[in-house]
Amino acid sequence: MKICVPSMGKTGLEDQVGQHFGKVLNYIMYDTESSEVSVIPNTSEHNGGVGLPPELMSQKGVNVMLCGGLGRKAVALFEQYGIEVYVGAQGTIWDALKAWETGRLQKATMDNACSSHDHHDHHHSHGHHHH
């Protein structure tokens, strides 16, 4: 299984987890089978390149992405690419991987994604009311 974590640095597991997953310079990819660590540079359009981070990750065969938190649009995109997202990652990349392995990170869903983008929406019953 391949796990990806946005990184503040570019070396590996000692880096701090990047809190803005789209704007970090690199993603660290960890292969749980081989314990191999590789770096995926963020060449997405956030940094003047092409494409979106989930696309870059899916090309590398990433299965899971750990991060501090992200918006709903991003969660939906990752779902489209079949990548599971877990939020609540903090500390170093290694801390995040350990937290994920021990089940301490929460799986991101459309309900617990950062709703900072929709302040007008104060009720939590998404999609249950008819317009």
N, C-alpha and C. Protein backbone atom coordinates (compact mmCIF):
# COMPACT_ATOMS: atom_id res chain seq x y z
N MET A 1 0.83 -1.19 0.00
CA MET A 1 0.00 0.00 0.00
C MET A 1 0.87 1.25 0.00
N LYS A 2 0.48 2.24 -0.77
CA LYS A 2 1.28 3.46 -0.83
C LYS A 2 0.56 4.61 -0.15
N ILE A 3 1.24 5.24 0.78
CA ILE A 3 0.66 6.32 1.55
C ILE A 3 1.40 7.61 1.24
N CYS A 4 0.65 8.67 1.06
CA CYS A 4 1.25 9.93 0.67
C CYS A 4 0.95 10.99 1.73
N VAL A 5 1.95 11.81 2.06
CA VAL A 5 1.76 12.87 3.05
C VAL A 5 2.38 14.16 2.51
N PRO A 6 1.62 15.27 2.57
CA PRO A 6 2.21 16.54 2.13
C PRO A 6 3.31 16.94 3.09
N SER A 7 4.42 17.44 2.56
CA SER A 7 5.58 17.72 3.40
C SER A 7 6.00 19.18 3.34
N MET A 8 6.46 19.69 4.49
CA MET A 8 6.98 21.05 4.55
C MET A 8 8.40 21.08 4.00
N GLY A 9 9.07 19.93 4.01
CA GLY A 9 10.44 19.87 3.55
C GLY A 9 10.52 19.08 2.28
N LYS A 10 11.67 18.39 2.08
CA LYS A 10 11.73 17.56 0.88
C LYS A 10 12.62 16.35 1.07
N THR A 11 12.84 15.99 2.33
CA THR A 11 13.77 14.90 2.54
C THR A 11 13.08 13.58 2.85
N GLY A 12 12.08 13.62 3.69
CA GLY A 12 11.47 12.34 4.03
C GLY A 12 10.70 12.38 5.31
N LEU A 13 10.81 11.31 6.09
CA LEU A 13 9.93 11.09 7.22
C LEU A 13 10.14 12.04 8.39
N GLU A 14 11.27 12.76 8.39
CA GLU A 14 11.51 13.70 9.49
C GLU A 14 10.84 15.05 9.24
N ASP A 15 10.39 15.29 8.02
CA ASP A 15 9.76 16.56 7.69
C ASP A 15 8.48 16.76 8.48
N GLN A 16 8.12 18.02 8.68
CA GLN A 16 6.82 18.33 9.27
C GLN A 16 5.74 18.13 8.21
N VAL A 17 4.57 17.71 8.66
CA VAL A 17 3.43 17.55 7.76
C VAL A 17 2.99 18.93 7.26
N GLY A 18 2.82 19.08 5.97
CA GLY A 18 2.37 20.35 5.41
C GLY A 18 0.88 20.52 5.63
N GLN A 19 0.48 21.65 6.19
CA GLN A 19 -0.93 21.83 6.53
C GLN A 19 -1.80 22.27 5.35
N HIS A 20 -1.18 22.81 4.31
CA HIS A 20 -1.96 23.18 3.13
C HIS A 20 -1.60 22.22 2.02
N PHE A 21 -2.36 21.15 1.89
CA PHE A 21 -1.89 20.06 1.05
C PHE A 21 -1.66 20.47 -0.40
N GLY A 22 -2.42 21.45 -0.91
CA GLY A 22 -2.24 21.81 -2.31
C GLY A 22 -1.03 22.70 -2.56
N LYS A 23 -0.56 23.37 -1.50
CA LYS A 23 0.50 24.36 -1.71
C LYS A 23 1.88 23.88 -1.31
N VAL A 24 1.98 22.68 -0.74
CA VAL A 24 3.31 22.20 -0.35
C VAL A 24 4.16 21.94 -1.59
N LEU A 25 5.46 21.93 -1.40
CA LEU A 25 6.35 21.71 -2.54
C LEU A 25 6.51 20.24 -2.88
N ASN A 26 6.39 19.40 -1.85
CA ASN A 26 6.60 17.97 -2.08
C ASN A 26 5.62 17.12 -1.30
N TYR A 27 5.38 15.94 -1.82
CA TYR A 27 4.63 14.92 -1.10
C TYR A 27 5.60 13.77 -0.86
N ILE A 28 5.54 13.23 0.34
CA ILE A 28 6.39 12.08 0.64
C ILE A 28 5.52 10.84 0.49
N MET A 29 6.01 9.89 -0.29
CA MET A 29 5.24 8.66 -0.49
C MET A 29 5.94 7.51 0.23
N TYR A 30 5.18 6.79 1.02
CA TYR A 30 5.73 5.68 1.80
C TYR A 30 5.06 4.39 1.37
N ASP A 31 5.87 3.40 1.03
CA ASP A 31 5.33 2.12 0.60
C ASP A 31 5.35 1.17 1.80
N THR A 32 4.17 0.76 2.27
CA THR A 32 4.12 -0.04 3.49
C THR A 32 4.71 -1.43 3.29
N GLU A 33 4.71 -1.93 2.04
CA GLU A 33 5.27 -3.26 1.82
C GLU A 33 6.80 -3.26 1.83
N SER A 34 7.38 -2.26 1.16
CA SER A 34 8.83 -2.27 1.03
C SER A 34 9.51 -1.28 1.97
N SER A 35 8.69 -0.49 2.71
CA SER A 35 9.21 0.58 3.57
C SER A 35 10.03 1.59 2.79
N GLU A 36 9.78 1.65 1.52
CA GLU A 36 10.51 2.57 0.66
C GLU A 36 9.88 3.96 0.74
N VAL A 37 10.74 4.98 0.80
CA VAL A 37 10.25 6.35 0.86
C VAL A 37 10.64 7.07 -0.42
N SER A 38 9.68 7.70 -1.08
CA SER A 38 10.05 8.48 -2.25
C SER A 38 9.37 9.84 -2.19
N VAL A 39 9.86 10.77 -2.98
CA VAL A 39 9.33 12.12 -2.98
C VAL A 39 8.60 12.39 -4.28
N ILE A 40 7.37 12.89 -4.18
CA ILE A 40 6.64 13.31 -5.37
C ILE A 40 6.64 14.84 -5.35
N PRO A 41 7.34 15.48 -6.29
CA PRO A 41 7.30 16.94 -6.30
C PRO A 41 5.90 17.40 -6.69
N ASN A 42 5.43 18.45 -6.05
CA ASN A 42 4.11 18.97 -6.37
C ASN A 42 4.20 19.86 -7.61
N THR A 43 3.97 19.26 -8.75
CA THR A 43 4.04 20.02 -10.00
C THR A 43 2.64 20.42 -10.45
N SER A 44 1.71 20.47 -9.50
CA SER A 44 0.33 20.77 -9.85
C SER A 44 0.15 22.25 -10.19
N GLU A 45 -1.04 22.58 -10.60
CA GLU A 45 -1.30 23.96 -11.04
C GLU A 45 -1.18 24.97 -9.90
N HIS A 46 -1.26 24.50 -8.64
CA HIS A 46 -1.07 25.42 -7.51
C HIS A 46 0.32 26.05 -7.59
N ASN A 47 1.27 25.28 -8.09
CA ASN A 47 2.64 25.77 -8.16
C ASN A 47 3.08 26.08 -9.58
N GLY A 48 2.12 26.42 -10.42
CA GLY A 48 2.46 26.84 -11.77
C GLY A 48 2.63 25.69 -12.76
N GLY A 49 2.31 24.49 -12.32
CA GLY A 49 2.45 23.35 -13.22
C GLY A 49 1.10 22.97 -13.81
N VAL A 50 0.93 21.68 -14.03
CA VAL A 50 -0.28 21.20 -14.68
C VAL A 50 -0.95 20.15 -13.81
N GLY A 51 -2.27 20.10 -13.85
CA GLY A 51 -2.97 19.03 -13.16
C GLY A 51 -3.20 19.32 -11.69
N LEU A 52 -3.75 18.36 -10.98
CA LEU A 52 -4.09 18.52 -9.57
C LEU A 52 -3.38 17.45 -8.76
N PRO A 53 -3.11 17.75 -7.48
CA PRO A 53 -2.39 16.77 -6.65
C PRO A 53 -2.96 15.35 -6.68
N PRO A 54 -4.29 15.17 -6.59
CA PRO A 54 -4.79 13.78 -6.60
C PRO A 54 -4.41 13.04 -7.87
N GLU A 55 -4.33 13.81 -8.97
CA GLU A 55 -3.97 13.22 -10.25
C GLU A 55 -2.51 12.75 -10.21
N LEU A 56 -1.64 13.61 -9.68
CA LEU A 56 -0.23 13.24 -9.56
C LEU A 56 -0.10 11.97 -8.72
N MET A 57 -0.85 11.94 -7.61
CA MET A 57 -0.74 10.80 -6.70
C MET A 57 -1.26 9.53 -7.33
N SER A 58 -2.38 9.64 -8.06
CA SER A 58 -2.93 8.41 -8.63
C SER A 58 -2.00 7.86 -9.70
N GLN A 59 -1.27 8.73 -10.38
CA GLN A 59 -0.31 8.25 -11.37
C GLN A 59 0.80 7.43 -10.71
N LYS A 60 1.10 7.75 -9.46
CA LYS A 60 2.15 7.03 -8.74
C LYS A 60 1.59 5.83 -7.98
N GLY A 61 0.30 5.61 -8.10
CA GLY A 61 -0.30 4.45 -7.44
C GLY A 61 -0.57 4.64 -5.96
N VAL A 62 -0.73 5.89 -5.52
CA VAL A 62 -1.01 6.16 -4.11
C VAL A 62 -2.41 5.67 -3.72
N ASN A 63 -2.52 5.02 -2.56
CA ASN A 63 -3.81 4.51 -2.08
C ASN A 63 -4.44 5.39 -1.01
N VAL A 64 -3.57 6.02 -0.20
CA VAL A 64 -4.04 6.76 0.96
C VAL A 64 -3.26 8.06 1.08
N MET A 65 -3.95 9.14 1.46
CA MET A 65 -3.27 10.41 1.68
C MET A 65 -3.59 10.88 3.09
N LEU A 66 -2.54 11.27 3.83
CA LEU A 66 -2.74 11.77 5.19
C LEU A 66 -2.44 13.25 5.21
N CYS A 67 -3.30 14.04 5.85
CA CYS A 67 -3.00 15.46 5.92
C CYS A 67 -3.67 16.08 7.14
N GLY A 68 -3.42 17.35 7.36
CA GLY A 68 -4.00 18.02 8.52
C GLY A 68 -5.49 18.22 8.35
N GLY A 69 -5.88 18.58 7.15
CA GLY A 69 -7.28 18.83 6.88
C GLY A 69 -7.39 19.39 5.48
N LEU A 70 -8.55 19.31 4.87
CA LEU A 70 -8.70 19.86 3.53
C LEU A 70 -10.16 20.11 3.24
N GLY A 71 -10.42 20.88 2.22
CA GLY A 71 -11.79 21.26 1.90
C GLY A 71 -12.55 20.15 1.19
N ARG A 72 -13.87 20.36 1.11
CA ARG A 72 -14.72 19.35 0.49
C ARG A 72 -14.39 19.07 -0.96
N LYS A 73 -14.04 20.14 -1.68
CA LYS A 73 -13.75 19.96 -3.09
C LYS A 73 -12.61 18.98 -3.26
N ALA A 74 -11.61 19.13 -2.41
CA ALA A 74 -10.45 18.25 -2.48
C ALA A 74 -10.84 16.82 -2.13
N VAL A 75 -11.66 16.67 -1.07
CA VAL A 75 -12.09 15.32 -0.68
C VAL A 75 -12.78 14.64 -1.86
N ALA A 76 -13.64 15.38 -2.53
CA ALA A 76 -14.38 14.82 -3.66
C ALA A 76 -13.43 14.40 -4.78
N LEU A 77 -12.42 15.23 -5.01
CA LEU A 77 -11.44 14.91 -6.06
C LEU A 77 -10.69 13.63 -5.74
N PHE A 78 -10.23 13.52 -4.49
CA PHE A 78 -9.50 12.32 -4.11
C PHE A 78 -10.39 11.09 -4.26
N GLU A 79 -11.67 11.25 -3.89
CA GLU A 79 -12.60 10.12 -4.03
C GLU A 79 -12.72 9.70 -5.49
N GLN A 80 -12.74 10.69 -6.37
CA GLN A 80 -12.83 10.38 -7.81
C GLN A 80 -11.66 9.52 -8.25
N TYR A 81 -10.50 9.80 -7.70
CA TYR A 81 -9.30 9.05 -8.09
C TYR A 81 -9.11 7.79 -7.25
N GLY A 82 -10.07 7.54 -6.36
CA GLY A 82 -10.00 6.31 -5.56
C GLY A 82 -8.94 6.34 -4.47
N ILE A 83 -8.60 7.56 -4.01
CA ILE A 83 -7.61 7.67 -2.94
C ILE A 83 -8.31 8.00 -1.64
N GLU A 84 -8.03 7.23 -0.60
CA GLU A 84 -8.64 7.50 0.70
C GLU A 84 -7.88 8.60 1.41
N VAL A 85 -8.60 9.51 2.02
CA VAL A 85 -7.96 10.62 2.71
C VAL A 85 -8.23 10.54 4.21
N TYR A 86 -7.18 10.74 4.99
CA TYR A 86 -7.33 10.79 6.45
C TYR A 86 -6.84 12.13 6.94
N VAL A 87 -7.60 12.73 7.87
CA VAL A 87 -7.23 14.05 8.38
C VAL A 87 -6.83 13.97 9.85
N GLY A 88 -6.18 15.04 10.31
CA GLY A 88 -5.73 15.08 11.69
C GLY A 88 -4.25 14.79 11.82
N ALA A 89 -3.56 14.66 10.69
CA ALA A 89 -2.12 14.39 10.72
C ALA A 89 -1.39 15.63 11.21
N GLN A 90 -0.44 15.42 12.14
CA GLN A 90 0.39 16.54 12.59
C GLN A 90 1.72 16.01 13.06
N GLY A 91 2.65 16.93 13.32
CA GLY A 91 3.98 16.50 13.71
C GLY A 91 4.78 16.18 12.46
N THR A 92 5.60 15.14 12.55
CA THR A 92 6.40 14.76 11.38
C THR A 92 5.63 13.76 10.53
N ILE A 93 6.16 13.53 9.34
CA ILE A 93 5.54 12.56 8.44
C ILE A 93 5.48 11.19 9.13
N TRP A 94 6.55 10.87 9.84
CA TRP A 94 6.61 9.59 10.56
C TRP A 94 5.50 9.51 11.60
N ASP A 95 5.30 10.62 12.34
CA ASP A 95 4.21 10.65 13.34
C ASP A 95 2.88 10.38 12.67
N ALA A 96 2.69 11.00 11.51
CA ALA A 96 1.42 10.85 10.79
C ALA A 96 1.22 9.39 10.37
N LEU A 97 2.29 8.76 9.86
CA LEU A 97 2.18 7.36 9.44
C LEU A 97 1.86 6.46 10.62
N LYS A 98 2.52 6.73 11.75
CA LYS A 98 2.26 5.93 12.95
C LYS A 98 0.83 6.11 13.43
N ALA A 99 0.37 7.36 13.42
CA ALA A 99 -1.00 7.64 13.86
C ALA A 99 -1.99 6.92 12.97
N TRP A 100 -1.69 6.88 11.66
CA TRP A 100 -2.59 6.21 10.73
C TRP A 100 -2.60 4.70 10.99
N GLU A 101 -1.40 4.15 11.21
CA GLU A 101 -1.31 2.71 11.44
C GLU A 101 -2.06 2.28 12.69
N THR A 102 -2.06 3.15 13.70
CA THR A 102 -2.72 2.78 14.95
C THR A 102 -4.17 3.25 14.98
N GLY A 103 -4.66 3.72 13.84
CA GLY A 103 -6.07 4.07 13.74
C GLY A 103 -6.45 5.36 14.43
N ARG A 104 -5.49 6.27 14.61
CA ARG A 104 -5.82 7.51 15.30
C ARG A 104 -6.24 8.64 14.37
N LEU A 105 -6.10 8.45 13.07
CA LEU A 105 -6.53 9.51 12.15
C LEU A 105 -7.95 9.23 11.70
N GLN A 106 -8.65 10.29 11.40
CA GLN A 106 -10.04 10.15 11.01
C GLN A 106 -10.15 10.17 9.49
N LYS A 107 -10.95 9.27 8.97
CA LYS A 107 -11.13 9.26 7.52
C LYS A 107 -11.92 10.50 7.11
N ALA A 108 -11.42 11.20 6.11
CA ALA A 108 -12.11 12.41 5.66
C ALA A 108 -13.34 12.04 4.85
N THR A 109 -14.44 12.68 5.16
CA THR A 109 -15.66 12.46 4.39
C THR A 109 -16.19 13.84 4.03
N MET A 110 -17.22 13.87 3.24
CA MET A 110 -17.80 15.15 2.86
C MET A 110 -18.35 15.85 4.11
N ASP A 111 -18.66 15.10 5.15
CA ASP A 111 -19.26 15.71 6.34
C ASP A 111 -18.25 16.34 7.28
N ASN A 112 -17.02 15.78 7.36
CA ASN A 112 -16.09 16.36 8.30
C ASN A 112 -14.98 17.16 7.62
N ALA A 113 -15.12 17.37 6.31
CA ALA A 113 -14.14 18.19 5.60
C ALA A 113 -14.24 19.62 6.13
N CYS A 114 -13.16 20.35 6.03
CA CYS A 114 -13.18 21.74 6.50
C CYS A 114 -14.31 22.46 5.80
N SER A 115 -15.25 22.98 6.55
CA SER A 115 -16.34 23.68 5.90
C SER A 115 -16.06 25.17 5.93
N SER A 116 -14.77 25.53 5.91
CA SER A 116 -14.43 26.95 5.95
C SER A 116 -14.89 27.62 4.67
N HIS A 117 -15.18 26.83 3.65
CA HIS A 117 -15.58 27.42 2.38
C HIS A 117 -17.06 27.70 2.30
N ASP A 118 -17.83 27.20 3.27
CA ASP A 118 -19.25 27.52 3.23
C ASP A 118 -19.73 27.99 4.59
N HIS A 119 -19.41 29.21 4.92
CA HIS A 119 -19.79 29.77 6.23
C HIS A 119 -21.28 29.97 6.37
N HIS A 120 -21.96 30.17 5.25
CA HIS A 120 -23.40 30.43 5.33
C HIS A 120 -24.18 29.18 5.70
N ASP A 121 -23.52 28.05 5.65
CA ASP A 121 -24.23 26.79 5.85
C ASP A 121 -24.07 26.32 7.28
N HIS A 122 -24.99 26.72 8.14
CA HIS A 122 -24.80 26.41 9.56
C HIS A 122 -25.44 25.10 10.00
N HIS A 123 -26.36 24.58 9.21
CA HIS A 123 -26.99 23.34 9.64
C HIS A 123 -26.20 22.16 9.11
N HIS A 124 -26.23 21.06 9.84
CA HIS A 124 -25.38 19.94 9.50
C HIS A 124 -26.10 18.83 8.75
N SER A 125 -27.35 19.08 8.36
CA SER A 125 -28.07 18.03 7.64
C SER A 125 -27.90 18.26 6.16
N HIS A 126 -26.77 17.82 5.63
CA HIS A 126 -26.50 18.04 4.23
C HIS A 126 -27.37 17.17 3.35
N GLY A 127 -28.08 17.81 2.44
CA GLY A 127 -28.79 17.04 1.42
C GLY A 127 -30.09 16.43 1.89
N HIS A 128 -30.53 16.72 3.12
CA HIS A 128 -31.77 16.09 3.56
C HIS A 128 -32.99 16.95 3.30
N HIS A 129 -32.78 18.23 3.02
CA HIS A 129 -33.93 19.11 2.81
C HIS A 129 -34.19 19.30 1.32
N HIS A 130 -35.44 19.42 0.98
CA HIS A 130 -35.81 19.56 -0.43
C HIS A 130 -35.98 21.03 -0.74
N HIS A 131 -35.43 21.44 -1.88
CA HIS A 131 -35.58 22.84 -2.27
C HIS A 131 -36.83 23.00 -3.11
